[in-house]
mmCIF file of all heavy atoms, coordinates in Angstrom:
data_MODEL
# 
_entry.id   MODEL 
# 
loop_
_atom_site.group_PDB 
_atom_site.id 
_atom_site.type_symbol 
_atom_site.label_atom_id 
_atom_site.label_alt_id 
_atom_site.label_comp_id 
_atom_site.label_asym_id 
_atom_site.label_entity_id 
_atom_site.label_seq_id 
_atom_site.pdbx_PDB_ins_code 
_atom_site.Cartn_x 
_atom_site.Cartn_y 
_atom_site.Cartn_z 
_atom_site.occupancy 
_atom_site.B_iso_or_equiv 
_atom_site.pdbx_formal_charge 
_atom_site.auth_seq_id 
_atom_site.auth_comp_id 
_atom_site.auth_asym_id 
_atom_site.auth_atom_id 
_atom_site.pdbx_PDB_model_num 
ATOM 1   N N   . VAL A 1 1  ? 10.582 -12.714 11.750  1.00 0.00 ? 1  VAL A N   1 
ATOM 2   C CA  . VAL A 1 1  ? 10.049 -12.598 10.472  1.00 0.00 ? 1  VAL A CA  1 
ATOM 3   C C   . VAL A 1 1  ? 8.821  -13.583 10.377  1.00 0.00 ? 1  VAL A C   1 
ATOM 4   O O   . VAL A 1 1  ? 8.712  -14.609 11.062  1.00 0.00 ? 1  VAL A O   1 
ATOM 5   C CB  . VAL A 1 1  ? 11.149 -13.273 9.433   1.00 0.00 ? 1  VAL A CB  1 
ATOM 6   C CG1 . VAL A 1 1  ? 10.576 -13.545 8.076   1.00 0.00 ? 1  VAL A CG1 1 
ATOM 7   C CG2 . VAL A 1 1  ? 12.370 -12.347 9.374   1.00 0.00 ? 1  VAL A CG2 1 
ATOM 8   N N   . THR A 1 2  ? 7.803  -13.161 9.812   1.00 0.00 ? 2  THR A N   1 
ATOM 9   C CA  . THR A 1 2  ? 6.468  -13.772 9.824   1.00 0.00 ? 2  THR A CA  1 
ATOM 10  C C   . THR A 1 2  ? 5.917  -13.811 8.405   1.00 0.00 ? 2  THR A C   1 
ATOM 11  O O   . THR A 1 2  ? 5.931  -12.935 7.709   1.00 0.00 ? 2  THR A O   1 
ATOM 12  C CB  . THR A 1 2  ? 5.540  -12.873 10.770  1.00 0.00 ? 2  THR A CB  1 
ATOM 13  O OG1 . THR A 1 2  ? 6.038  -12.757 12.082  1.00 0.00 ? 2  THR A OG1 1 
ATOM 14  C CG2 . THR A 1 2  ? 4.128  -13.632 10.982  1.00 0.00 ? 2  THR A CG2 1 
ATOM 15  N N   . VAL A 1 3  ? 5.324  -14.979 8.224   1.00 0.00 ? 3  VAL A N   1 
ATOM 16  C CA  . VAL A 1 3  ? 4.721  -15.308 6.851   1.00 0.00 ? 3  VAL A CA  1 
ATOM 17  C C   . VAL A 1 3  ? 3.395  -14.535 6.924   1.00 0.00 ? 3  VAL A C   1 
ATOM 18  O O   . VAL A 1 3  ? 2.467  -14.842 7.757   1.00 0.00 ? 3  VAL A O   1 
ATOM 19  C CB  . VAL A 1 3  ? 4.495  -16.814 6.616   1.00 0.00 ? 3  VAL A CB  1 
ATOM 20  C CG1 . VAL A 1 3  ? 3.798  -16.993 5.220   1.00 0.00 ? 3  VAL A CG1 1 
ATOM 21  C CG2 . VAL A 1 3  ? 5.867  -17.473 6.537   1.00 0.00 ? 3  VAL A CG2 1 
ATOM 22  N N   . PRO A 1 4  ? 3.148  -13.690 5.998   1.00 0.00 ? 4  PRO A N   1 
ATOM 23  C CA  . PRO A 1 4  ? 1.923  -12.865 5.963   1.00 0.00 ? 4  PRO A CA  1 
ATOM 24  C C   . PRO A 1 4  ? 0.819  -13.716 5.343   1.00 0.00 ? 4  PRO A C   1 
ATOM 25  O O   . PRO A 1 4  ? 0.983  -14.650 4.652   1.00 0.00 ? 4  PRO A O   1 
ATOM 26  C CB  . PRO A 1 4  ? 2.320  -11.728 5.075   1.00 0.00 ? 4  PRO A CB  1 
ATOM 27  C CG  . PRO A 1 4  ? 3.190  -12.276 3.906   1.00 0.00 ? 4  PRO A CG  1 
ATOM 28  C CD  . PRO A 1 4  ? 4.041  -13.303 4.884   1.00 0.00 ? 4  PRO A CD  1 
ATOM 29  N N   . PRO A 1 5  ? -0.446 -13.153 5.502   1.00 0.00 ? 5  PRO A N   1 
ATOM 30  C CA  . PRO A 1 5  ? -1.607 -13.765 4.857   1.00 0.00 ? 5  PRO A CA  1 
ATOM 31  C C   . PRO A 1 5  ? -1.507 -13.427 3.242   1.00 0.00 ? 5  PRO A C   1 
ATOM 32  O O   . PRO A 1 5  ? -0.689 -12.756 3.039   1.00 0.00 ? 5  PRO A O   1 
ATOM 33  C CB  . PRO A 1 5  ? -2.835 -13.154 5.379   1.00 0.00 ? 5  PRO A CB  1 
ATOM 34  C CG  . PRO A 1 5  ? -2.289 -11.802 5.902   1.00 0.00 ? 5  PRO A CG  1 
ATOM 35  C CD  . PRO A 1 5  ? -0.877 -12.087 6.269   1.00 0.00 ? 5  PRO A CD  1 
ATOM 36  N N   . LYS A 1 6  ? -2.407 -14.003 2.528   1.00 0.00 ? 6  LYS A N   1 
ATOM 37  C CA  . LYS A 1 6  ? -2.373 -13.771 1.132   1.00 0.00 ? 6  LYS A CA  1 
ATOM 38  C C   . LYS A 1 6  ? -2.481 -12.323 0.793   1.00 0.00 ? 6  LYS A C   1 
ATOM 39  O O   . LYS A 1 6  ? -1.739 -11.842 -0.224  1.00 0.00 ? 6  LYS A O   1 
ATOM 40  C CB  . LYS A 1 6  ? -3.588 -14.479 0.419   1.00 0.00 ? 6  LYS A CB  1 
ATOM 41  C CG  . LYS A 1 6  ? -3.563 -14.509 -1.151  1.00 0.00 ? 6  LYS A CG  1 
ATOM 42  C CD  . LYS A 1 6  ? -4.625 -15.388 -1.701  1.00 0.00 ? 6  LYS A CD  1 
ATOM 43  C CE  . LYS A 1 6  ? -4.599 -15.234 -3.191  1.00 0.00 ? 6  LYS A CE  1 
ATOM 44  N NZ  . LYS A 1 6  ? -5.724 -16.097 -3.778  1.00 0.00 ? 6  LYS A NZ  1 
ATOM 45  N N   . TYR A 1 7  ? -3.295 -11.617 1.440   1.00 0.00 ? 7  TYR A N   1 
ATOM 46  C CA  . TYR A 1 7  ? -3.418 -10.101 1.249   1.00 0.00 ? 7  TYR A CA  1 
ATOM 47  C C   . TYR A 1 7  ? -3.363 -9.315  2.572   1.00 0.00 ? 7  TYR A C   1 
ATOM 48  O O   . TYR A 1 7  ? -3.831 -9.791  3.588   1.00 0.00 ? 7  TYR A O   1 
ATOM 49  C CB  . TYR A 1 7  ? -4.787 -9.854  0.673   1.00 0.00 ? 7  TYR A CB  1 
ATOM 50  C CG  . TYR A 1 7  ? -5.016 -10.319 -0.791  1.00 0.00 ? 7  TYR A CG  1 
ATOM 51  C CD1 . TYR A 1 7  ? -5.805 -11.547 -0.895  1.00 0.00 ? 7  TYR A CD1 1 
ATOM 52  C CD2 . TYR A 1 7  ? -4.327 -9.860  -1.862  1.00 0.00 ? 7  TYR A CD2 1 
ATOM 53  C CE1 . TYR A 1 7  ? -6.008 -11.969 -2.172  1.00 0.00 ? 7  TYR A CE1 1 
ATOM 54  C CE2 . TYR A 1 7  ? -4.405 -10.446 -3.046  1.00 0.00 ? 7  TYR A CE2 1 
ATOM 55  C CZ  . TYR A 1 7  ? -5.281 -11.533 -3.287  1.00 0.00 ? 7  TYR A CZ  1 
ATOM 56  O OH  . TYR A 1 7  ? -5.454 -12.095 -4.552  1.00 0.00 ? 7  TYR A OH  1 
ATOM 57  N N   . LEU A 1 8  ? -2.762 -8.222  2.523   1.00 0.00 ? 8  LEU A N   1 
ATOM 58  C CA  . LEU A 1 8  ? -2.798 -7.184  3.609   1.00 0.00 ? 8  LEU A CA  1 
ATOM 59  C C   . LEU A 1 8  ? -3.291 -5.987  2.961   1.00 0.00 ? 8  LEU A C   1 
ATOM 60  O O   . LEU A 1 8  ? -3.406 -5.779  1.714   1.00 0.00 ? 8  LEU A O   1 
ATOM 61  C CB  . LEU A 1 8  ? -1.404 -6.956  4.170   1.00 0.00 ? 8  LEU A CB  1 
ATOM 62  C CG  . LEU A 1 8  ? -0.840 -8.201  4.892   1.00 0.00 ? 8  LEU A CG  1 
ATOM 63  C CD1 . LEU A 1 8  ? 0.664  -8.103  5.212   1.00 0.00 ? 8  LEU A CD1 1 
ATOM 64  C CD2 . LEU A 1 8  ? -1.708 -8.409  6.225   1.00 0.00 ? 8  LEU A CD2 1 
ATOM 65  N N   . TYR A 1 9  ? -3.452 -4.891  3.692   1.00 0.00 ? 9  TYR A N   1 
ATOM 66  C CA  . TYR A 1 9  ? -4.087 -3.652  3.289   1.00 0.00 ? 9  TYR A CA  1 
ATOM 67  C C   . TYR A 1 9  ? -3.451 -2.400  3.844   1.00 0.00 ? 9  TYR A C   1 
ATOM 68  O O   . TYR A 1 9  ? -2.807 -2.414  4.759   1.00 0.00 ? 9  TYR A O   1 
ATOM 69  C CB  . TYR A 1 9  ? -5.610 -3.651  3.730   1.00 0.00 ? 9  TYR A CB  1 
ATOM 70  C CG  . TYR A 1 9  ? -6.408 -4.785  3.212   1.00 0.00 ? 9  TYR A CG  1 
ATOM 71  C CD1 . TYR A 1 9  ? -6.411 -5.979  3.964   1.00 0.00 ? 9  TYR A CD1 1 
ATOM 72  C CD2 . TYR A 1 9  ? -6.982 -4.761  1.982   1.00 0.00 ? 9  TYR A CD2 1 
ATOM 73  C CE1 . TYR A 1 9  ? -7.004 -7.048  3.566   1.00 0.00 ? 9  TYR A CE1 1 
ATOM 74  C CE2 . TYR A 1 9  ? -7.569 -5.894  1.424   1.00 0.00 ? 9  TYR A CE2 1 
ATOM 75  C CZ  . TYR A 1 9  ? -7.631 -7.137  2.193   1.00 0.00 ? 9  TYR A CZ  1 
ATOM 76  O OH  . TYR A 1 9  ? -8.143 -8.233  1.718   1.00 0.00 ? 9  TYR A OH  1 
ATOM 77  N N   . HIS A 1 10 ? -3.424 -1.425  2.880   1.00 0.00 ? 10 HIS A N   1 
ATOM 78  C CA  . HIS A 1 10 ? -2.758 -0.086  3.348   1.00 0.00 ? 10 HIS A CA  1 
ATOM 79  C C   . HIS A 1 10 ? -3.695 0.986   3.134   1.00 0.00 ? 10 HIS A C   1 
ATOM 80  O O   . HIS A 1 10 ? -4.232 1.340   1.993   1.00 0.00 ? 10 HIS A O   1 
ATOM 81  C CB  . HIS A 1 10 ? -1.545 0.126   2.432   1.00 0.00 ? 10 HIS A CB  1 
ATOM 82  C CG  . HIS A 1 10 ? -0.828 1.361   2.815   1.00 0.00 ? 10 HIS A CG  1 
ATOM 83  N ND1 . HIS A 1 10 ? 0.053  1.408   3.908   1.00 0.00 ? 10 HIS A ND1 1 
ATOM 84  C CD2 . HIS A 1 10 ? -0.837 2.615   2.324   1.00 0.00 ? 10 HIS A CD2 1 
ATOM 85  C CE1 . HIS A 1 10 ? 0.446  2.765   3.970   1.00 0.00 ? 10 HIS A CE1 1 
ATOM 86  N NE2 . HIS A 1 10 ? 0.052  3.386   2.958   1.00 0.00 ? 10 HIS A NE2 1 
ATOM 87  N N   . GLY A 1 11 ? -4.071 1.730   4.172   1.00 0.00 ? 11 GLY A N   1 
ATOM 88  C CA  . GLY A 1 11 ? -4.969 2.900   4.184   1.00 0.00 ? 11 GLY A CA  1 
ATOM 89  C C   . GLY A 1 11 ? -4.165 4.155   4.072   1.00 0.00 ? 11 GLY A C   1 
ATOM 90  O O   . GLY A 1 11 ? -3.127 4.241   4.758   1.00 0.00 ? 11 GLY A O   1 
ATOM 91  N N   . THR A 1 12 ? -4.558 4.996   3.236   1.00 0.00 ? 12 THR A N   1 
ATOM 92  C CA  . THR A 1 12 ? -3.961 6.382   3.006   1.00 0.00 ? 12 THR A CA  1 
ATOM 93  C C   . THR A 1 12 ? -5.030 7.395   2.560   1.00 0.00 ? 12 THR A C   1 
ATOM 94  O O   . THR A 1 12 ? -6.147 7.141   2.418   1.00 0.00 ? 12 THR A O   1 
ATOM 95  C CB  . THR A 1 12 ? -2.750 6.171   2.066   1.00 0.00 ? 12 THR A CB  1 
ATOM 96  O OG1 . THR A 1 12 ? -2.024 7.395   2.031   1.00 0.00 ? 12 THR A OG1 1 
ATOM 97  C CG2 . THR A 1 12 ? -3.186 5.918   0.745   1.00 0.00 ? 12 THR A CG2 1 
ATOM 98  N N   . GLY A 1 13 ? -4.539 8.586   2.332   1.00 0.00 ? 13 GLY A N   1 
ATOM 99  C CA  . GLY A 1 13 ? -5.450 9.528   1.839   1.00 0.00 ? 13 GLY A CA  1 
ATOM 100 C C   . GLY A 1 13 ? -5.426 9.639   0.319   1.00 0.00 ? 13 GLY A C   1 
ATOM 101 O O   . GLY A 1 13 ? -4.359 9.320   -0.333  1.00 0.00 ? 13 GLY A O   1 
ATOM 102 N N   . GLN A 1 14 ? -6.486 10.142  -0.264  1.00 0.00 ? 14 GLN A N   1 
ATOM 103 C CA  . GLN A 1 14 ? -6.773 10.234  -1.704  1.00 0.00 ? 14 GLN A CA  1 
ATOM 104 C C   . GLN A 1 14 ? -5.612 10.983  -2.345  1.00 0.00 ? 14 GLN A C   1 
ATOM 105 O O   . GLN A 1 14 ? -5.159 10.681  -3.418  1.00 0.00 ? 14 GLN A O   1 
ATOM 106 C CB  . GLN A 1 14 ? -8.130 10.843  -2.004  1.00 0.00 ? 14 GLN A CB  1 
ATOM 107 C CG  . GLN A 1 14 ? -8.413 11.068  -3.420  1.00 0.00 ? 14 GLN A CG  1 
ATOM 108 C CD  . GLN A 1 14 ? -8.587 9.890   -4.329  1.00 0.00 ? 14 GLN A CD  1 
ATOM 109 O OE1 . GLN A 1 14 ? -9.367 8.947   -3.775  1.00 0.00 ? 14 GLN A OE1 1 
ATOM 110 N NE2 . GLN A 1 14 ? -8.079 9.760   -5.359  1.00 0.00 ? 14 GLN A NE2 1 
ATOM 111 N N   . LYS A 1 15 ? -5.160 11.929  -1.559  1.00 0.00 ? 15 LYS A N   1 
ATOM 112 C CA  . LYS A 1 15 ? -4.093 12.869  -2.096  1.00 0.00 ? 15 LYS A CA  1 
ATOM 113 C C   . LYS A 1 15 ? -2.768 12.160  -2.450  1.00 0.00 ? 15 LYS A C   1 
ATOM 114 O O   . LYS A 1 15 ? -2.011 12.654  -3.249  1.00 0.00 ? 15 LYS A O   1 
ATOM 115 C CB  . LYS A 1 15 ? -3.862 14.081  -1.239  1.00 0.00 ? 15 LYS A CB  1 
ATOM 116 C CG  . LYS A 1 15 ? -3.421 13.652  0.148   1.00 0.00 ? 15 LYS A CG  1 
ATOM 117 C CD  . LYS A 1 15 ? -3.342 14.806  1.228   1.00 0.00 ? 15 LYS A CD  1 
ATOM 118 C CE  . LYS A 1 15 ? -3.073 14.341  2.611   1.00 0.00 ? 15 LYS A CE  1 
ATOM 119 N NZ  . LYS A 1 15 ? -3.327 15.408  3.539   1.00 0.00 ? 15 LYS A NZ  1 
ATOM 120 N N   . TYR A 1 16 ? -2.656 10.932  -1.857  1.00 0.00 ? 16 TYR A N   1 
ATOM 121 C CA  . TYR A 1 16 ? -1.305 10.267  -2.147  1.00 0.00 ? 16 TYR A CA  1 
ATOM 122 C C   . TYR A 1 16 ? -1.485 9.209   -3.253  1.00 0.00 ? 16 TYR A C   1 
ATOM 123 O O   . TYR A 1 16 ? -0.440 8.625   -3.617  1.00 0.00 ? 16 TYR A O   1 
ATOM 124 C CB  . TYR A 1 16 ? -0.888 9.579   -0.859  1.00 0.00 ? 16 TYR A CB  1 
ATOM 125 C CG  . TYR A 1 16 ? -0.658 10.560  0.281   1.00 0.00 ? 16 TYR A CG  1 
ATOM 126 C CD1 . TYR A 1 16 ? -1.365 10.395  1.414   1.00 0.00 ? 16 TYR A CD1 1 
ATOM 127 C CD2 . TYR A 1 16 ? 0.374  11.452  0.089   1.00 0.00 ? 16 TYR A CD2 1 
ATOM 128 C CE1 . TYR A 1 16 ? -1.150 11.349  2.407   1.00 0.00 ? 16 TYR A CE1 1 
ATOM 129 C CE2 . TYR A 1 16 ? 0.617  12.381  1.186   1.00 0.00 ? 16 TYR A CE2 1 
ATOM 130 C CZ  . TYR A 1 16 ? -0.161 12.344  2.314   1.00 0.00 ? 16 TYR A CZ  1 
ATOM 131 O OH  . TYR A 1 16 ? 0.049  13.230  3.305   1.00 0.00 ? 16 TYR A OH  1 
ATOM 132 N N   . VAL A 1 17 ? -2.591 8.985   -3.885  1.00 0.00 ? 17 VAL A N   1 
ATOM 133 C CA  . VAL A 1 17 ? -2.809 7.931   -4.842  1.00 0.00 ? 17 VAL A CA  1 
ATOM 134 C C   . VAL A 1 17 ? -1.876 8.040   -6.051  1.00 0.00 ? 17 VAL A C   1 
ATOM 135 O O   . VAL A 1 17 ? -1.237 7.096   -6.448  1.00 0.00 ? 17 VAL A O   1 
ATOM 136 C CB  . VAL A 1 17 ? -4.396 7.890   -5.345  1.00 0.00 ? 17 VAL A CB  1 
ATOM 137 C CG1 . VAL A 1 17 ? -4.494 6.984   -6.593  1.00 0.00 ? 17 VAL A CG1 1 
ATOM 138 C CG2 . VAL A 1 17 ? -5.214 7.386   -4.161  1.00 0.00 ? 17 VAL A CG2 1 
ATOM 139 N N   . GLU A 1 18 ? -1.748 9.217   -6.601  1.00 0.00 ? 18 GLU A N   1 
ATOM 140 C CA  . GLU A 1 18 ? -0.889 9.429   -7.830  1.00 0.00 ? 18 GLU A CA  1 
ATOM 141 C C   . GLU A 1 18 ? 0.511  8.961   -7.399  1.00 0.00 ? 18 GLU A C   1 
ATOM 142 O O   . GLU A 1 18 ? 1.129  8.311   -8.209  1.00 0.00 ? 18 GLU A O   1 
ATOM 143 C CB  . GLU A 1 18 ? -0.999 10.921  -8.315  1.00 0.00 ? 18 GLU A CB  1 
ATOM 144 C CG  . GLU A 1 18 ? -0.171 11.072  -9.524  1.00 0.00 ? 18 GLU A CG  1 
ATOM 145 C CD  . GLU A 1 18 ? -0.165 12.602  -9.978  1.00 0.00 ? 18 GLU A CD  1 
ATOM 146 O OE1 . GLU A 1 18 ? -1.162 13.220  -9.741  1.00 0.00 ? 18 GLU A OE1 1 
ATOM 147 O OE2 . GLU A 1 18 ? 0.873  13.126  -10.451 1.00 0.00 ? 18 GLU A OE2 1 
ATOM 148 N N   . SER A 1 19 ? 0.993  9.471   -6.356  1.00 0.00 ? 19 SER A N   1 
ATOM 149 C CA  . SER A 1 19 ? 2.394  9.114   -5.950  1.00 0.00 ? 19 SER A CA  1 
ATOM 150 C C   . SER A 1 19 ? 2.571  7.597   -5.814  1.00 0.00 ? 19 SER A C   1 
ATOM 151 O O   . SER A 1 19 ? 3.593  7.034   -6.255  1.00 0.00 ? 19 SER A O   1 
ATOM 152 C CB  . SER A 1 19 ? 2.852  9.832   -4.794  1.00 0.00 ? 19 SER A CB  1 
ATOM 153 O OG  . SER A 1 19 ? 4.045  9.481   -4.283  1.00 0.00 ? 19 SER A OG  1 
ATOM 154 N N   . ILE A 1 20 ? 1.693  6.947   -5.068  1.00 0.00 ? 20 ILE A N   1 
ATOM 155 C CA  . ILE A 1 20 ? 1.785  5.508   -4.740  1.00 0.00 ? 20 ILE A CA  1 
ATOM 156 C C   . ILE A 1 20 ? 1.597  4.772   -6.060  1.00 0.00 ? 20 ILE A C   1 
ATOM 157 O O   . ILE A 1 20 ? 2.302  3.728   -6.327  1.00 0.00 ? 20 ILE A O   1 
ATOM 158 C CB  . ILE A 1 20 ? 0.606  5.151   -3.809  1.00 0.00 ? 20 ILE A CB  1 
ATOM 159 C CG1 . ILE A 1 20 ? 0.916  5.619   -2.380  1.00 0.00 ? 20 ILE A CG1 1 
ATOM 160 C CG2 . ILE A 1 20 ? 0.506  3.595   -3.761  1.00 0.00 ? 20 ILE A CG2 1 
ATOM 161 C CD1 . ILE A 1 20 ? -0.219 5.632   -1.439  1.00 0.00 ? 20 ILE A CD1 1 
ATOM 162 N N   . ASN A 1 21 ? 0.675  5.209   -6.921  1.00 0.00 ? 21 ASN A N   1 
ATOM 163 C CA  . ASN A 1 21 ? 0.558  4.421   -8.151  1.00 0.00 ? 21 ASN A CA  1 
ATOM 164 C C   . ASN A 1 21 ? 1.875  4.557   -9.077  1.00 0.00 ? 21 ASN A C   1 
ATOM 165 O O   . ASN A 1 21 ? 2.093  3.670   -9.922  1.00 0.00 ? 21 ASN A O   1 
ATOM 166 C CB  . ASN A 1 21 ? -0.650 5.040   -9.030  1.00 0.00 ? 21 ASN A CB  1 
ATOM 167 C CG  . ASN A 1 21 ? -1.964 4.581   -8.454  1.00 0.00 ? 21 ASN A CG  1 
ATOM 168 O OD1 . ASN A 1 21 ? -2.017 3.796   -7.575  1.00 0.00 ? 21 ASN A OD1 1 
ATOM 169 N ND2 . ASN A 1 21 ? -2.972 5.196   -8.860  1.00 0.00 ? 21 ASN A ND2 1 
ATOM 170 N N   . ARG A 1 22 ? 2.607  5.479   -8.873  1.00 0.00 ? 22 ARG A N   1 
ATOM 171 C CA  . ARG A 1 22 ? 3.862  5.707   -9.669  1.00 0.00 ? 22 ARG A CA  1 
ATOM 172 C C   . ARG A 1 22 ? 5.088  5.011   -8.838  1.00 0.00 ? 22 ARG A C   1 
ATOM 173 O O   . ARG A 1 22 ? 5.965  4.340   -9.553  1.00 0.00 ? 22 ARG A O   1 
ATOM 174 C CB  . ARG A 1 22 ? 4.117  7.157   -9.711  1.00 0.00 ? 22 ARG A CB  1 
ATOM 175 C CG  . ARG A 1 22 ? 5.146  7.666   -10.818 1.00 0.00 ? 22 ARG A CG  1 
ATOM 176 C CD  . ARG A 1 22 ? 5.272  9.119   -11.120 1.00 0.00 ? 22 ARG A CD  1 
ATOM 177 N NE  . ARG A 1 22 ? 5.747  9.831   -9.868  1.00 0.00 ? 22 ARG A NE  1 
ATOM 178 C CZ  . ARG A 1 22 ? 5.093  10.522  -8.979  1.00 0.00 ? 22 ARG A CZ  1 
ATOM 179 N NH1 . ARG A 1 22 ? 3.822  10.808  -9.277  1.00 0.00 ? 22 ARG A NH1 1 
ATOM 180 N NH2 . ARG A 1 22 ? 5.606  11.221  -7.981  1.00 0.00 ? 22 ARG A NH2 1 
ATOM 181 N N   . LEU A 1 23 ? 5.183  5.165   -7.526  1.00 0.00 ? 23 LEU A N   1 
ATOM 182 C CA  . LEU A 1 23 ? 6.377  4.707   -6.718  1.00 0.00 ? 23 LEU A CA  1 
ATOM 183 C C   . LEU A 1 23 ? 6.141  3.419   -5.952  1.00 0.00 ? 23 LEU A C   1 
ATOM 184 O O   . LEU A 1 23 ? 7.006  2.897   -5.406  1.00 0.00 ? 23 LEU A O   1 
ATOM 185 C CB  . LEU A 1 23 ? 6.820  5.711   -5.794  1.00 0.00 ? 23 LEU A CB  1 
ATOM 186 C CG  . LEU A 1 23 ? 7.111  7.159   -6.394  1.00 0.00 ? 23 LEU A CG  1 
ATOM 187 C CD1 . LEU A 1 23 ? 7.459  8.253   -5.365  1.00 0.00 ? 23 LEU A CD1 1 
ATOM 188 C CD2 . LEU A 1 23 ? 8.339  7.038   -7.276  1.00 0.00 ? 23 LEU A CD2 1 
ATOM 189 N N   . GLY A 1 24 ? 4.878  3.093   -5.760  1.00 0.00 ? 24 GLY A N   1 
ATOM 190 C CA  . GLY A 1 24 ? 4.576  2.061   -4.815  1.00 0.00 ? 24 GLY A CA  1 
ATOM 191 C C   . GLY A 1 24 ? 4.513  2.640   -3.412  1.00 0.00 ? 24 GLY A C   1 
ATOM 192 O O   . GLY A 1 24 ? 4.537  3.833   -3.262  1.00 0.00 ? 24 GLY A O   1 
ATOM 193 N N   . LEU A 1 25 ? 4.483  1.765   -2.457  1.00 0.00 ? 25 LEU A N   1 
ATOM 194 C CA  . LEU A 1 25 ? 4.577  2.047   -0.963  1.00 0.00 ? 25 LEU A CA  1 
ATOM 195 C C   . LEU A 1 25 ? 5.884  2.244   -0.597  1.00 0.00 ? 25 LEU A C   1 
ATOM 196 O O   . LEU A 1 25 ? 6.624  1.105   -0.612  1.00 0.00 ? 25 LEU A O   1 
ATOM 197 C CB  . LEU A 1 25 ? 3.692  1.137   -0.164  1.00 0.00 ? 25 LEU A CB  1 
ATOM 198 C CG  . LEU A 1 25 ? 2.176  1.172   -0.390  1.00 0.00 ? 25 LEU A CG  1 
ATOM 199 C CD1 . LEU A 1 25 ? 1.494  0.084   0.311   1.00 0.00 ? 25 LEU A CD1 1 
ATOM 200 C CD2 . LEU A 1 25 ? 1.535  2.529   -0.109  1.00 0.00 ? 25 LEU A CD2 1 
# 
């Protein structure tokens, strides 16, 4: 178990934005 930095990032395709905005990652 590791303490993360303040922010991390997730790269994906534009086609998944609607689903992610609804369900999260």
